Amino acid sequence: QVQLVESGGDLVQPGGSLRLSCATSRSIFGSYSMGWYRQAPGKQRELVATISSSGNTNYADSVKGRFTISRDGAKNTVYLQMNSLKPEDTAVYYCNVAITAIISRRVDNYWGQGTQVTVSS
């Protein structure tokens, strides 16, 4: 129903910046949340940032003040601007779209394939 393709992952030095993009196969309407999650080797997947259909944003404490999530409806794309990157940010980053049905409140989740971000000198 919704396909997500991430891009922008790369090797970057500590203190550097990176911008991730997530292109969706179609426009998303109604009640939804778009976001980024990440998973480091041997660790659980964790929330990085989300932006809801109402425009509310949410960030993990570890990235607050450094990362910014945004969206471009015309391009069906969500972005994650990452500044002041740290080695601890190294992970595979996954794009996520969660759509909530109006009546049943059922939540359908869609995931991208992931893009590797490596922060190292």
C-alpha atoms as a PDB file:
ATOM      1  CA  GLN A   1       0.000   0.000   0.000  1.00  0.00           C
ATOM      2  CA  VAL A   2       2.826   2.364   0.891  1.00  0.00           C
ATOM      3  CA  GLN A   3       6.401   1.810  -0.169  1.00  0.00           C
ATOM      4  CA  LEU A   4       9.223   3.734   1.471  1.00  0.00           C
ATOM      5  CA  VAL A   5      12.715   4.243   0.099  1.00  0.00           C
ATOM      6  CA  GLU A   6      15.419   5.800   2.262  1.00  0.00           C
ATOM      7  CA  SER A   7      18.556   7.462   1.020  1.00  0.00           C
ATOM      8  CA  GLY A   8      21.344   9.667   2.298  1.00  0.00           C
ATOM      9  CA  GLY A   9      23.151   7.329   4.642  1.00  0.00           C
ATOM     10  CA  ASP A  10      26.914   7.652   4.515  1.00  0.00           C
ATOM     11  CA  LEU A  11      30.180   7.637   6.410  1.00  0.00           C
ATOM     12  CA  VAL A  12      30.672  10.943   8.199  1.00  0.00           C
ATOM     13  CA  GLN A  13      33.149  12.279  10.737  1.00  0.00           C
ATOM     14  CA  PRO A  14      32.102  13.144  14.289  1.00  0.00           C
ATOM     15  CA  GLY A  15      30.623  16.615  14.379  1.00  0.00           C
ATOM     16  CA  GLY A  16      29.543  16.364  10.783  1.00  0.00           C
ATOM     17  CA  SER A  17      26.100  16.543   9.254  1.00  0.00           C
ATOM     18  CA  LEU A  18      23.956  14.298   7.144  1.00  0.00           C
ATOM     19  CA  ARG A  19      20.487  14.534   5.652  1.00  0.00           C
ATOM     20  CA  LEU A  20      18.369  11.450   5.234  1.00  0.00           C
ATOM     21  CA  SER A  21      15.447  11.314   2.839  1.00  0.00           C
ATOM     22  CA  CYS A  22      12.487   8.965   2.728  1.00  0.00           C
ATOM     23  CA  ALA A  23      10.386   8.963  -0.404  1.00  0.00           C
ATOM     24  CA  THR A  24       6.899   7.486  -0.163  1.00  0.00           C
ATOM     25  CA  SER A  25       5.097   5.851  -3.058  1.00  0.00           C
ATOM     26  CA  ARG A  26       2.031   8.011  -2.562  1.00  0.00           C
ATOM     27  CA  SER A  27       0.730  10.910  -0.536  1.00  0.00           C
ATOM     28  CA  ILE A  28      -0.397  10.063   2.983  1.00  0.00           C
ATOM     29  CA  PHE A  29      -3.733  11.397   4.240  1.00  0.00           C
ATOM     30  CA  GLY A  30      -5.739  11.263   7.415  1.00  0.00           C
ATOM     31  CA  SER A  31      -4.259  10.440  10.790  1.00  0.00           C
ATOM     32  CA  TYR A  32      -0.663   9.355  10.487  1.00  0.00           C
ATOM     33  CA  SER A  33       2.823   9.628  11.791  1.00  0.00           C
ATOM     34  CA  MET A  34       6.009   9.653   9.766  1.00  0.00           C
ATOM     35  CA  GLY A  35       9.276   9.017  11.448  1.00  0.00           C
ATOM     36  CA  TRP A  36      12.738   7.656  11.700  1.00  0.00           C
ATOM     37  CA  TYR A  37      13.971   4.762  13.776  1.00  0.00           C
ATOM     38  CA  ARG A  38      17.442   3.348  14.075  1.00  0.00           C
ATOM     39  CA  GLN A  39      19.040   0.087  15.068  1.00  0.00           C
ATOM     40  CA  ALA A  40      22.653  -0.380  16.065  1.00  0.00           C
ATOM     41  CA  PRO A  41      24.285  -3.828  16.081  1.00  0.00           C
ATOM     42  CA  GLY A  42      23.141  -5.851  19.073  1.00  0.00           C
ATOM     43  CA  LYS A  43      20.590  -3.273  20.125  1.00  0.00           C
ATOM     44  CA  GLN A  44      16.843  -2.803  19.899  1.00  0.00           C
ATOM     45  CA  ARG A  45      15.369  -0.588  17.254  1.00  0.00           C
ATOM     46  CA  GLU A  46      14.673   2.790  18.798  1.00  0.00           C
ATOM     47  CA  LEU A  47      12.678   5.846  17.898  1.00  0.00           C
ATOM     48  CA  VAL A  48      14.676   8.792  16.627  1.00  0.00           C
ATOM     49  CA  ALA A  49      12.044  11.305  15.558  1.00  0.00           C
ATOM     50  CA  THR A  50       8.451  11.462  14.367  1.00  0.00           C
ATOM     51  CA  ILE A  51       6.187  14.029  12.799  1.00  0.00           C
ATOM     52  CA  SER A  52       2.423  13.611  12.886  1.00  0.00           C
ATOM     53  CA  SER A  53      -0.277  14.601  10.431  1.00  0.00           C
ATOM     54  CA  SER A  54      -0.990  17.572  12.682  1.00  0.00           C
ATOM     55  CA  GLY A  55       2.626  18.685  12.484  1.00  0.00           C
ATOM     56  CA  ASN A  56       3.657  17.697  15.989  1.00  0.00           C
ATOM     57  CA  THR A  57       7.203  16.437  16.305  1.00  0.00           C
ATOM     58  CA  ASN A  58       8.768  14.091  18.796  1.00  0.00           C
ATOM     59  CA  TYR A  59      12.444  13.372  19.362  1.00  0.00           C
ATOM     60  CA  ALA A  60      14.469  10.925  21.334  1.00  0.00           C
ATOM     61  CA  ASP A  61      16.337  12.669  24.136  1.00  0.00           C
ATOM     62  CA  SER A  62      19.629  11.528  22.661  1.00  0.00           C
ATOM     63  CA  VAL A  63      19.083  13.473  19.437  1.00  0.00           C
ATOM     64  CA  LYS A  64      17.084  16.445  20.665  1.00  0.00           C
ATOM     65  CA  GLY A  65      18.692  19.688  19.592  1.00  0.00           C
ATOM     66  CA  ARG A  66      20.823  17.969  16.977  1.00  0.00           C
ATOM     67  CA  PHE A  67      18.320  16.321  14.640  1.00  0.00           C
ATOM     68  CA  THR A  68      15.365  17.867  12.854  1.00  0.00           C
ATOM     69  CA  ILE A  69      12.553  15.995  11.156  1.00  0.00           C
ATOM     70  CA  SER A  70      10.562  17.628   8.386  1.00  0.00           C
ATOM     71  CA  ARG A  71       8.345  16.734   5.489  1.00  0.00           C
ATOM     72  CA  ASP A  72       7.566  17.934   1.999  1.00  0.00           C
ATOM     73  CA  GLY A  73       4.046  16.948   1.048  1.00  0.00           C
ATOM     74  CA  ALA A  74       4.472  17.964  -2.572  1.00  0.00           C
ATOM     75  CA  LYS A  75       7.396  15.575  -2.920  1.00  0.00           C
ATOM     76  CA  ASN A  76       5.925  12.844  -0.700  1.00  0.00           C
ATOM     77  CA  THR A  77       9.155  12.917   1.245  1.00  0.00           C
ATOM     78  CA  VAL A  78      10.183  13.052   4.884  1.00  0.00           C
ATOM     79  CA  TYR A  79      13.641  14.224   5.907  1.00  0.00           C
ATOM     80  CA  LEU A  80      15.919  13.862   8.860  1.00  0.00           C
ATOM     81  CA  GLN A  81      18.580  16.544   9.160  1.00  0.00           C
ATOM     82  CA  MET A  82      21.316  15.284  11.444  1.00  0.00           C
ATOM     83  CA  ASN A  83      23.880  17.710  12.833  1.00  0.00           C
ATOM     84  CA  SER A  84      26.685  17.354  15.352  1.00  0.00           C
ATOM     85  CA  LEU A  85      26.826  13.654  14.687  1.00  0.00           C
ATOM     86  CA  LYS A  86      28.390  11.370  17.256  1.00  0.00           C
ATOM     87  CA  PRO A  87      29.792   7.846  16.957  1.00  0.00           C
ATOM     88  CA  GLU A  88      26.807   6.710  19.043  1.00  0.00           C
ATOM     89  CA  ASP A  89      24.558   7.729  16.154  1.00  0.00           C
ATOM     90  CA  THR A  90      25.989   4.921  14.047  1.00  0.00           C
ATOM     91  CA  ALA A  91      23.122   2.649  13.050  1.00  0.00           C
ATOM     92  CA  VAL A  92      20.846   1.578  10.274  1.00  0.00           C
ATOM     93  CA  TYR A  93      18.143   4.204   9.982  1.00  0.00           C
ATOM     94  CA  TYR A  94      14.648   3.160   8.976  1.00  0.00           C
ATOM     95  CA  CYS A  95      11.814   5.295   7.706  1.00  0.00           C
ATOM     96  CA  ASN A  96       8.381   4.544   9.134  1.00  0.00           C
ATOM     97  CA  VAL A  97       4.828   5.520   8.323  1.00  0.00           C
ATOM     98  CA  ALA A  98       2.045   4.654  10.759  1.00  0.00           C
ATOM     99  CA  ILE A  99      -1.505   5.222   9.563  1.00  0.00           C
ATOM    100  CA  THR A 100      -4.425   5.109  11.985  1.00  0.00           C
ATOM    101  CA  ALA A 101      -7.874   4.160  10.698  1.00  0.00           C
ATOM    102  CA  ILE A 102     -10.525   6.683  11.679  1.00  0.00           C
ATOM    103  CA  ILE A 103     -13.206   4.236  12.848  1.00  0.00           C
ATOM    104  CA  SER A 104     -11.337   1.181  14.100  1.00  0.00           C
ATOM    105  CA  ARG A 105      -8.189   3.038  15.139  1.00  0.00           C
ATOM    106  CA  ARG A 106      -6.183   0.195  13.655  1.00  0.00           C
ATOM    107  CA  VAL A 107      -2.593   1.200  13.021  1.00  0.00           C
ATOM    108  CA  ASP A 108      -0.842   0.035   9.873  1.00  0.00           C
ATOM    109  CA  ASN A 109       2.923   0.355   9.856  1.00  0.00           C
ATOM    110  CA  TYR A 110       5.121   0.589   6.799  1.00  0.00           C
ATOM    111  CA  TRP A 111       8.889   0.434   6.816  1.00  0.00           C
ATOM    112  CA  GLY A 112      11.688   1.283   4.463  1.00  0.00           C
ATOM    113  CA  GLN A 113      14.661  -0.957   3.811  1.00  0.00           C
ATOM    114  CA  GLY A 114      17.037   1.092   5.918  1.00  0.00           C
ATOM    115  CA  THR A 115      20.069   3.218   5.190  1.00  0.00           C
ATOM    116  CA  GLN A 116      23.417   2.911   6.947  1.00  0.00           C
ATOM    117  CA  VAL A 117      24.803   5.865   8.865  1.00  0.00           C
ATOM    118  CA  THR A 118      28.338   5.504  10.158  1.00  0.00           C
ATOM    119  CA  VAL A 119      29.957   8.202  12.274  1.00  0.00           C
ATOM    120  CA  SER A 120      33.670   7.633  12.572  1.00  0.00           C
ATOM    121  CA  SER A 121      36.959   9.444  12.212  1.00  0.00           C
END
